[in-house]
C-alpha atoms as a PDB file:
ATOM      1  CA  UNK A   1      34.454  12.699 -42.046  1.00  0.00           C
ATOM      2  CA  UNK A   2      35.399  16.215 -41.168  1.00  0.00           C
ATOM      3  CA  UNK A   3      36.496  16.363 -37.422  1.00  0.00           C
ATOM      4  CA  UNK A   4      38.065  19.870 -37.252  1.00  0.00           C
ATOM      5  CA  UNK A   5      36.985  21.488 -34.001  1.00  0.00           C
ATOM      6  CA  UNK A   6      36.167  25.014 -35.780  1.00  0.00           C
ATOM      7  CA  UNK A   7      33.833  23.066 -38.260  1.00  0.00           C
ATOM      8  CA  UNK A   8      32.105  20.981 -35.270  1.00  0.00           C
ATOM      9  CA  UNK A   9      31.598  24.329 -33.184  1.00  0.00           C
ATOM     10  CA  UNK A  10      30.053  26.114 -36.166  1.00  0.00           C
ATOM     11  CA  UNK A  11      27.996  23.371 -37.592  1.00  0.00           C
ATOM     12  CA  UNK A  12      26.630  22.366 -33.945  1.00  0.00           C
ATOM     13  CA  UNK A  13      25.693  26.135 -33.266  1.00  0.00           C
ATOM     14  CA  UNK A  14      24.030  26.454 -36.681  1.00  0.00           C
ATOM     15  CA  UNK A  15      22.062  23.291 -36.239  1.00  0.00           C
ATOM     16  CA  UNK A  16      20.934  24.233 -32.676  1.00  0.00           C
ATOM     17  CA  UNK A  17      19.737  27.637 -33.750  1.00  0.00           C
ATOM     18  CA  UNK A  18      17.887  26.071 -36.667  1.00  0.00           C
ATOM     19  CA  UNK A  19      16.239  23.608 -34.245  1.00  0.00           C
ATOM     20  CA  UNK A  20      15.114  26.107 -31.856  1.00  0.00           C
ATOM     21  CA  UNK A  21      13.620  28.212 -34.838  1.00  0.00           C
ATOM     22  CA  UNK A  22      11.959  25.026 -36.136  1.00  0.00           C
ATOM     23  CA  UNK A  23      10.043  24.855 -32.806  1.00  0.00           C
ATOM     24  CA  UNK A  24       8.902  28.624 -33.332  1.00  0.00           C
ATOM     25  CA  UNK A  25      11.013  30.039 -30.292  1.00  0.00           C
ATOM     26  CA  UNK A  26      13.485  32.072 -32.334  1.00  0.00           C
ATOM     27  CA  UNK A  27      11.130  33.129 -35.275  1.00  0.00           C
ATOM     28  CA  UNK A  28      13.271  33.521 -38.434  1.00  0.00           C
ATOM     29  CA  UNK A  29      16.567  33.177 -36.709  1.00  0.00           C
ATOM     30  CA  UNK A  30      17.071  29.684 -38.209  1.00  0.00           C
ATOM     31  CA  UNK A  31      17.986  31.208 -41.608  1.00  0.00           C
ATOM     32  CA  UNK A  32      21.381  31.880 -40.199  1.00  0.00           C
ATOM     33  CA  UNK A  33      21.973  28.384 -40.605  1.00  0.00           C
ATOM     34  CA  UNK A  34      23.473  28.294 -43.965  1.00  0.00           C
ATOM     35  CA  UNK A  35      25.134  31.685 -43.534  1.00  0.00           C
ATOM     36  CA  UNK A  36      26.796  30.472 -40.406  1.00  0.00           C
ATOM     37  CA  UNK A  37      28.025  27.250 -42.327  1.00  0.00           C
ATOM     38  CA  UNK A  38      29.418  29.230 -44.971  1.00  0.00           C
ATOM     39  CA  UNK A  39      32.358  30.179 -42.634  1.00  0.00           C
ATOM     40  CA  UNK A  40      33.286  26.519 -42.863  1.00  0.00           C
ATOM     41  CA  UNK A  41      32.022  25.189 -46.325  1.00  0.00           C
ATOM     42  CA  UNK A  42      30.728  26.381 -49.569  1.00  0.00           C
ATOM     43  CA  UNK A  43      27.318  27.680 -49.356  1.00  0.00           C
ATOM     44  CA  UNK A  44      25.797  25.230 -51.820  1.00  0.00           C
ATOM     45  CA  UNK A  45      27.265  22.323 -49.929  1.00  0.00           C
ATOM     46  CA  UNK A  46      25.882  23.708 -46.679  1.00  0.00           C
ATOM     47  CA  UNK A  47      22.263  23.757 -48.400  1.00  0.00           C
ATOM     48  CA  UNK A  48      22.655  20.196 -49.436  1.00  0.00           C
ATOM     49  CA  UNK A  49      23.896  19.200 -46.067  1.00  0.00           C
ATOM     50  CA  UNK A  50      21.289  21.064 -44.252  1.00  0.00           C
ATOM     51  CA  UNK A  51      18.271  19.596 -46.211  1.00  0.00           C
ATOM     52  CA  UNK A  52      18.075  16.192 -44.418  1.00  0.00           C
ATOM     53  CA  UNK A  53      18.692  17.808 -41.058  1.00  0.00           C
ATOM     54  CA  UNK A  54      15.986  20.201 -41.579  1.00  0.00           C
ATOM     55  CA  UNK A  55      13.466  17.406 -42.629  1.00  0.00           C
ATOM     56  CA  UNK A  56      14.467  15.346 -39.464  1.00  0.00           C
ATOM     57  CA  UNK A  57      13.691  18.601 -37.576  1.00  0.00           C
ATOM     58  CA  UNK A  58      10.437  19.024 -39.368  1.00  0.00           C
ATOM     59  CA  UNK A  59       9.178  15.707 -38.439  1.00  0.00           C
ATOM     60  CA  UNK A  60       9.738  16.236 -34.697  1.00  0.00           C
ATOM     61  CA  UNK A  61       8.258  19.548 -34.816  1.00  0.00           C
ATOM     62  CA  UNK A  62       5.299  18.382 -36.903  1.00  0.00           C
ATOM     63  CA  UNK A  63       4.348  15.716 -34.376  1.00  0.00           C
ATOM     64  CA  UNK A  64       4.797  18.090 -31.633  1.00  0.00           C
ATOM     65  CA  UNK A  65       2.382  20.606 -33.020  1.00  0.00           C
ATOM     66  CA  UNK A  66       0.095  18.213 -34.987  1.00  0.00           C
ATOM     67  CA  UNK A  67      -2.939  19.589 -33.206  1.00  0.00           C
ATOM     68  CA  UNK A  68      -2.085  23.273 -33.574  1.00  0.00           C
ATOM     69  CA  UNK A  69      -2.026  24.741 -36.967  1.00  0.00           C
ATOM     70  CA  UNK A  70      -4.017  27.218 -39.221  1.00  0.00           C
ATOM     71  CA  UNK A  71      -5.218  25.310 -42.480  1.00  0.00           C
ATOM     72  CA  UNK A  72      -6.299  28.545 -44.051  1.00  0.00           C
ATOM     73  CA  UNK A  73      -2.756  29.867 -44.226  1.00  0.00           C
ATOM     74  CA  UNK A  74      -1.393  26.581 -45.492  1.00  0.00           C
ATOM     75  CA  UNK A  75      -3.923  26.337 -48.244  1.00  0.00           C
ATOM     76  CA  UNK A  76      -3.173  29.812 -49.371  1.00  0.00           C
ATOM     77  CA  UNK A  77       0.674  29.702 -49.223  1.00  0.00           C
ATOM     78  CA  UNK A  78       1.632  26.159 -50.213  1.00  0.00           C
ATOM     79  CA  UNK A  79       0.575  26.520 -54.039  1.00  0.00           C
ATOM     80  CA  UNK A  80       2.836  29.609 -54.200  1.00  0.00           C
ATOM     81  CA  UNK A  81       5.630  27.791 -52.524  1.00  0.00           C
ATOM     82  CA  UNK A  82       5.304  25.063 -55.017  1.00  0.00           C
ATOM     83  CA  UNK A  83       5.729  27.553 -57.740  1.00  0.00           C
ATOM     84  CA  UNK A  84       8.591  29.151 -56.069  1.00  0.00           C
ATOM     85  CA  UNK A  85      10.479  26.005 -55.467  1.00  0.00           C
ATOM     86  CA  UNK A  86      10.149  25.123 -59.339  1.00  0.00           C
ATOM     87  CA  UNK A  87      11.594  28.677 -59.971  1.00  0.00           C
ATOM     88  CA  UNK A  88      14.374  28.206 -57.690  1.00  0.00           C
ATOM     89  CA  UNK A  89      15.174  24.896 -59.366  1.00  0.00           C
ATOM     90  CA  UNK A  90      15.191  26.468 -62.780  1.00  0.00           C
ATOM     91  CA  UNK A  91      17.276  29.478 -61.681  1.00  0.00           C
ATOM     92  CA  UNK A  92      19.715  27.476 -59.595  1.00  0.00           C
ATOM     93  CA  UNK A  93      22.760  28.148 -61.817  1.00  0.00           C
ATOM     94  CA  UNK A  94      21.856  31.825 -62.370  1.00  0.00           C
ATOM     95  CA  UNK A  95      21.217  33.042 -58.819  1.00  0.00           C
ATOM     96  CA  UNK A  96      23.997  33.643 -56.345  1.00  0.00           C
ATOM     97  CA  UNK A  97      23.466  33.190 -52.603  1.00  0.00           C
ATOM     98  CA  UNK A  98      24.609  36.705 -52.038  1.00  0.00           C
ATOM     99  CA  UNK A  99      21.819  38.061 -54.304  1.00  0.00           C
ATOM    100  CA  UNK A 100      19.025  36.124 -52.311  1.00  0.00           C
ATOM    101  CA  UNK A 101      20.619  37.006 -48.914  1.00  0.00           C
ATOM    102  CA  UNK A 102      20.590  40.501 -49.929  1.00  0.00           C
ATOM    103  CA  UNK A 103      17.153  40.627 -51.469  1.00  0.00           C
ATOM    104  CA  UNK A 104      15.534  38.760 -48.484  1.00  0.00           C
ATOM    105  CA  UNK A 105      17.401  40.992 -45.948  1.00  0.00           C
ATOM    106  CA  UNK A 106      15.977  44.204 -47.400  1.00  0.00           C
ATOM    107  CA  UNK A 107      12.378  42.882 -47.887  1.00  0.00           C
ATOM    108  CA  UNK A 108      12.572  41.611 -44.304  1.00  0.00           C
ATOM    109  CA  UNK A 109      13.890  44.923 -42.961  1.00  0.00           C
ATOM    110  CA  UNK A 110      11.083  46.953 -44.844  1.00  0.00           C
ATOM    111  CA  UNK A 111       8.400  44.284 -43.160  1.00  0.00           C
ATOM    112  CA  UNK A 112       9.778  44.999 -39.608  1.00  0.00           C
ATOM    113  CA  UNK A 113       9.626  48.708 -40.249  1.00  0.00           C
ATOM    114  CA  UNK A 114       6.265  48.472 -41.698  1.00  0.00           C
ATOM    115  CA  UNK A 115       5.109  46.611 -38.592  1.00  0.00           C
ATOM    116  CA  UNK A 116       5.941  49.605 -36.419  1.00  0.00           C
ATOM    117  CA  UNK A 117       3.590  51.829 -38.291  1.00  0.00           C
ATOM    118  CA  UNK A 118       0.007  52.626 -37.160  1.00  0.00           C
ATOM    119  CA  UNK A 119      -1.489  51.261 -40.464  1.00  0.00           C
ATOM    120  CA  UNK A 120       0.150  47.807 -39.655  1.00  0.00           C
ATOM    121  CA  UNK A 121      -1.256  47.607 -36.408  1.00  0.00           C
ATOM    122  CA  UNK A 122      -4.715  48.192 -37.639  1.00  0.00           C
ATOM    123  CA  UNK A 123      -4.385  45.423 -40.254  1.00  0.00           C
ATOM    124  CA  UNK A 124      -3.243  43.014 -37.763  1.00  0.00           C
ATOM    125  CA  UNK A 125      -5.766  40.039 -37.231  1.00  0.00           C
ATOM    126  CA  UNK A 126      -7.522  40.500 -40.486  1.00  0.00           C
ATOM    127  CA  UNK A 127      -8.387  37.485 -42.295  1.00  0.00           C
ATOM    128  CA  UNK A 128      -5.453  35.867 -44.487  1.00  0.00           C
ATOM    129  CA  UNK A 129      -5.586  37.575 -48.004  1.00  0.00           C
ATOM    130  CA  UNK A 130      -5.237  34.936 -50.836  1.00  0.00           C
ATOM    131  CA  UNK A 131      -3.169  36.949 -53.278  1.00  0.00           C
ATOM    132  CA  UNK A 132      -0.522  38.254 -50.869  1.00  0.00           C
ATOM    133  CA  UNK A 133      -0.329  34.722 -49.071  1.00  0.00           C
ATOM    134  CA  UNK A 134       0.156  33.249 -52.464  1.00  0.00           C
ATOM    135  CA  UNK A 135       2.927  35.862 -53.373  1.00  0.00           C
ATOM    136  CA  UNK A 136       4.916  35.308 -50.129  1.00  0.00           C
ATOM    137  CA  UNK A 137       4.408  31.629 -50.346  1.00  0.00           C
ATOM    138  CA  UNK A 138       6.058  31.835 -53.693  1.00  0.00           C
ATOM    139  CA  UNK A 139       8.864  34.116 -52.487  1.00  0.00           C
ATOM    140  CA  UNK A 140       9.417  31.773 -49.396  1.00  0.00           C
ATOM    141  CA  UNK A 141       9.545  28.724 -51.686  1.00  0.00           C
ATOM    142  CA  UNK A 142      12.103  30.217 -53.758  1.00  0.00           C
ATOM    143  CA  UNK A 143      14.396  31.650 -51.229  1.00  0.00           C
ATOM    144  CA  UNK A 144      14.102  28.298 -49.217  1.00  0.00           C
ATOM    145  CA  UNK A 145      15.105  26.410 -52.337  1.00  0.00           C
ATOM    146  CA  UNK A 146      18.159  28.489 -52.903  1.00  0.00           C
ATOM    147  CA  UNK A 147      19.580  28.960 -49.395  1.00  0.00           C
ATOM    148  CA  UNK A 148      17.053  27.656 -46.816  1.00  0.00           C
ATOM    149  CA  UNK A 149      16.117  31.368 -46.158  1.00  0.00           C
ATOM    150  CA  UNK A 150      12.279  31.092 -46.658  1.00  0.00           C
ATOM    151  CA  UNK A 151      11.513  32.060 -42.817  1.00  0.00           C
ATOM    152  CA  UNK A 152      11.283  35.797 -43.461  1.00  0.00           C
ATOM    153  CA  UNK A 153       8.900  35.920 -46.416  1.00  0.00           C
ATOM    154  CA  UNK A 154       6.824  33.450 -44.554  1.00  0.00           C
ATOM    155  CA  UNK A 155       6.772  35.602 -41.551  1.00  0.00           C
ATOM    156  CA  UNK A 156       6.041  38.843 -43.448  1.00  0.00           C
ATOM    157  CA  UNK A 157       2.354  37.302 -44.156  1.00  0.00           C
ATOM    158  CA  UNK A 158       1.983  35.260 -40.989  1.00  0.00           C
ATOM    159  CA  UNK A 159       3.242  37.246 -38.097  1.00  0.00           C
ATOM    160  CA  UNK A 160       0.684  40.324 -38.565  1.00  0.00           C
ATOM    161  CA  UNK A 161      -2.102  37.774 -38.073  1.00  0.00           C
ATOM    162  CA  UNK A 162      -0.944  37.330 -34.386  1.00  0.00           C
ATOM    163  CA  UNK A 163      -1.743  33.400 -34.206  1.00  0.00           C
ATOM    164  CA  UNK A 164      -1.367  32.022 -30.941  1.00  0.00           C
ATOM    165  CA  UNK A 165       2.188  30.831 -30.444  1.00  0.00           C
ATOM    166  CA  UNK A 166       1.383  26.973 -30.554  1.00  0.00           C
ATOM    167  CA  UNK A 167      -0.727  27.587 -33.651  1.00  0.00           C
ATOM    168  CA  UNK A 168       1.915  29.802 -35.388  1.00  0.00           C
ATOM    169  CA  UNK A 169       4.583  27.171 -34.587  1.00  0.00           C
ATOM    170  CA  UNK A 170       2.548  24.334 -35.831  1.00  0.00           C
ATOM    171  CA  UNK A 171       1.832  26.197 -39.118  1.00  0.00           C
ATOM    172  CA  UNK A 172       5.374  26.938 -39.510  1.00  0.00           C
ATOM    173  CA  UNK A 173       6.458  23.549 -39.143  1.00  0.00           C
ATOM    174  CA  UNK A 174       3.869  22.052 -41.483  1.00  0.00           C
ATOM    175  CA  UNK A 175       4.667  24.688 -44.278  1.00  0.00           C
ATOM    176  CA  UNK A 176       8.193  24.247 -44.276  1.00  0.00           C
ATOM    177  CA  UNK A 177       8.157  20.280 -43.687  1.00  0.00           C
ATOM    178  CA  UNK A 178       6.220  20.201 -46.991  1.00  0.00           C
ATOM    179  CA  UNK A 179       8.331  22.725 -48.617  1.00  0.00           C
ATOM    180  CA  UNK A 180      11.666  20.877 -47.642  1.00  0.00           C
ATOM    181  CA  UNK A 181      10.238  17.485 -48.686  1.00  0.00           C
ATOM    182  CA  UNK A 182       9.527  18.996 -52.049  1.00  0.00           C
ATOM    183  CA  UNK A 183      13.308  19.978 -52.421  1.00  0.00           C
ATOM    184  CA  UNK A 184      14.590  16.391 -52.301  1.00  0.00           C
ATOM    185  CA  UNK A 185      14.203  15.569 -55.822  1.00  0.00           C
ATOM    186  CA  UNK A 186      15.556  18.619 -57.268  1.00  0.00           C
ATOM    187  CA  UNK A 187      18.606  18.569 -54.845  1.00  0.00           C
ATOM    188  CA  UNK A 188      19.235  15.040 -55.913  1.00  0.00           C
ATOM    189  CA  UNK A 189      19.213  15.780 -59.536  1.00  0.00           C
ATOM    190  CA  UNK A 190      21.413  18.937 -58.923  1.00  0.00           C
ATOM    191  CA  UNK A 191      24.087  16.665 -57.035  1.00  0.00           C
ATOM    192  CA  UNK A 192      23.496  18.366 -53.698  1.00  0.00           C
ATOM    193  CA  UNK A 193      22.807  15.077 -51.816  1.00  0.00           C
ATOM    194  CA  UNK A 194      26.313  13.369 -52.010  1.00  0.00           C
ATOM    195  CA  UNK A 195      27.559  10.546 -49.773  1.00  0.00           C
ATOM    196  CA  UNK A 196      29.850  13.092 -47.929  1.00  0.00           C
ATOM    197  CA  UNK A 197      26.957  15.487 -47.257  1.00  0.00           C
ATOM    198  CA  UNK A 198      24.661  12.675 -46.093  1.00  0.00           C
ATOM    199  CA  UNK A 199      27.317  11.537 -43.725  1.00  0.00           C
ATOM    200  CA  UNK A 200      27.511  15.129 -42.317  1.00  0.00           C
ATOM    201  CA  UNK A 201      23.816  15.236 -42.051  1.00  0.00           C
ATOM    202  CA  UNK A 202      23.388  12.057 -40.130  1.00  0.00           C
ATOM    203  CA  UNK A 203      26.026  13.197 -37.566  1.00  0.00           C
ATOM    204  CA  UNK A 204      24.103  16.584 -36.968  1.00  0.00           C
ATOM    205  CA  UNK A 205      20.405  15.264 -37.061  1.00  0.00           C
ATOM    206  CA  UNK A 206      20.663  14.561 -33.305  1.00  0.00           C
ATOM    207  CA  UNK A 207      21.964  17.949 -32.396  1.00  0.00           C
ATOM    208  CA  UNK A 208      18.973  19.340 -34.357  1.00  0.00           C
ATOM    209  CA  UNK A 209      16.370  17.254 -32.478  1.00  0.00           C
ATOM    210  CA  UNK A 210      17.767  18.500 -29.289  1.00  0.00           C
ATOM    211  CA  UNK A 211      17.233  22.013 -30.596  1.00  0.00           C
ATOM    212  CA  UNK A 212      13.770  21.268 -31.523  1.00  0.00           C
ATOM    213  CA  UNK A 213      12.731  19.352 -28.320  1.00  0.00           C
ATOM    214  CA  UNK A 214      14.167  22.259 -26.140  1.00  0.00           C
ATOM    215  CA  UNK A 215      12.231  24.771 -28.479  1.00  0.00           C
ATOM    216  CA  UNK A 216       9.003  23.180 -28.023  1.00  0.00           C
ATOM    217  CA  UNK A 217       9.313  23.057 -24.258  1.00  0.00           C
ATOM    218  CA  UNK A 218      10.007  26.623 -24.185  1.00  0.00           C
ATOM    219  CA  UNK A 219       7.245  27.711 -26.626  1.00  0.00           C
ATOM    220  CA  UNK A 220       4.623  26.163 -24.571  1.00  0.00           C
ATOM    221  CA  UNK A 221       5.896  28.357 -21.481  1.00  0.00           C
ATOM    222  CA  UNK A 222       6.200  31.745 -23.162  1.00  0.00           C
ATOM    223  CA  UNK A 223       3.316  34.399 -23.307  1.00  0.00           C
ATOM    224  CA  UNK A 224       1.999  35.466 -26.568  1.00  0.00           C
ATOM    225  CA  UNK A 225       3.018  39.072 -25.942  1.00  0.00           C
ATOM    226  CA  UNK A 226       6.589  38.263 -25.249  1.00  0.00           C
ATOM    227  CA  UNK A 227       6.750  35.740 -27.961  1.00  0.00           C
ATOM    228  CA  UNK A 228       5.960  38.481 -30.805  1.00  0.00           C
ATOM    229  CA  UNK A 229       8.080  40.938 -29.065  1.00  0.00           C
ATOM    230  CA  UNK A 230      10.974  38.635 -29.077  1.00  0.00           C
ATOM    231  CA  UNK A 231      10.228  37.395 -32.763  1.00  0.00           C
ATOM    232  CA  UNK A 232      10.098  41.017 -34.267  1.00  0.00           C
ATOM    233  CA  UNK A 233      13.346  41.929 -32.596  1.00  0.00           C
ATOM    234  CA  UNK A 234      15.240  39.136 -33.790  1.00  0.00           C
ATOM    235  CA  UNK A 235      13.816  39.195 -37.208  1.00  0.00           C
ATOM    236  CA  UNK A 236      15.138  42.783 -37.217  1.00  0.00           C
ATOM    237  CA  UNK A 237      18.479  41.854 -36.329  1.00  0.00           C
ATOM    238  CA  UNK A 238      18.390  39.088 -38.728  1.00  0.00           C
ATOM    239  CA  UNK A 239      17.307  41.485 -41.657  1.00  0.00           C
ATOM    240  CA  UNK A 240      20.578  43.537 -40.876  1.00  0.00           C
ATOM    241  CA  UNK A 241      22.706  40.527 -40.675  1.00  0.00           C
ATOM    242  CA  UNK A 242      21.288  39.168 -44.086  1.00  0.00           C
ATOM    243  CA  UNK A 243      21.934  42.617 -45.801  1.00  0.00           C
ATOM    244  CA  UNK A 244      25.280  42.684 -44.535  1.00  0.00           C
ATOM    245  CA  UNK A 245      26.169  39.334 -45.532  1.00  0.00           C
ATOM    246  CA  UNK A 246      24.695  39.809 -49.036  1.00  0.00           C
ATOM    247  CA  UNK A 247      26.304  43.335 -49.775  1.00  0.00           C
ATOM    248  CA  UNK A 248      29.709  42.174 -48.546  1.00  0.00           C
ATOM    249  CA  UNK A 249      29.560  38.925 -50.690  1.00  0.00           C
ATOM    250  CA  UNK A 250      28.651  40.780 -53.718  1.00  0.00           C
ATOM    251  CA  UNK A 251      31.278  43.398 -53.164  1.00  0.00           C
ATOM    252  CA  UNK A 252      33.779  40.692 -52.680  1.00  0.00           C
ATOM    253  CA  UNK A 253      32.597  39.072 -55.768  1.00  0.00           C
ATOM    254  CA  UNK A 254      33.142  42.275 -57.953  1.00  0.00           C
ATOM    255  CA  UNK A 255      36.532  43.034 -56.389  1.00  0.00           C
END
């Protein structure tokens, strides 16, 4: 087992942020989990190590929000997510983490800028669109498979619908619980679930559970207006970080 203090500090911080995000508190900020872990381990190893931790946190979040979710959104997005997962599996060896981070960052930044336009405000609250939901579900499934960064594409479709915070959190928990469970078999055959990674996962699962429980407690006490205001600003900051990480990673790869 790794006992390096720097590794422990980074891993605990990453898992706590993901746990808070799983509860719906920090929007898509949980996607920084794998990018943060790349400071102390290879990106693909970080993705494999995080999957069991994510599943444990999904179970807690799903139980906490089991009575609060939007079934319409799940029916629209999950089929696309299944296709995206299969595409991610097929392209695992050809698509780099940096390309995914840059692509997700650009799309997310456009989403946030679009949310500030009057047209977007007029569209908010409309019934879910099946074609767009399937598309963003596919995109979310693909990016989730490659680097656990499925949050921003999911939010691009769901945030404008202005669900109640509890319903939004519950829908998010169920969606990613199913998506993450579907990644177990592909990750196993890709060699991402080694004995060493599972040992690290087991050590970090309690940290993730604490993050989810704290997030659940806070989500139930935050107003809807404040909730979405914080979510949009955090997603904006996250988009800039993803673009920076992806672009610098690609430049270093070329150099």
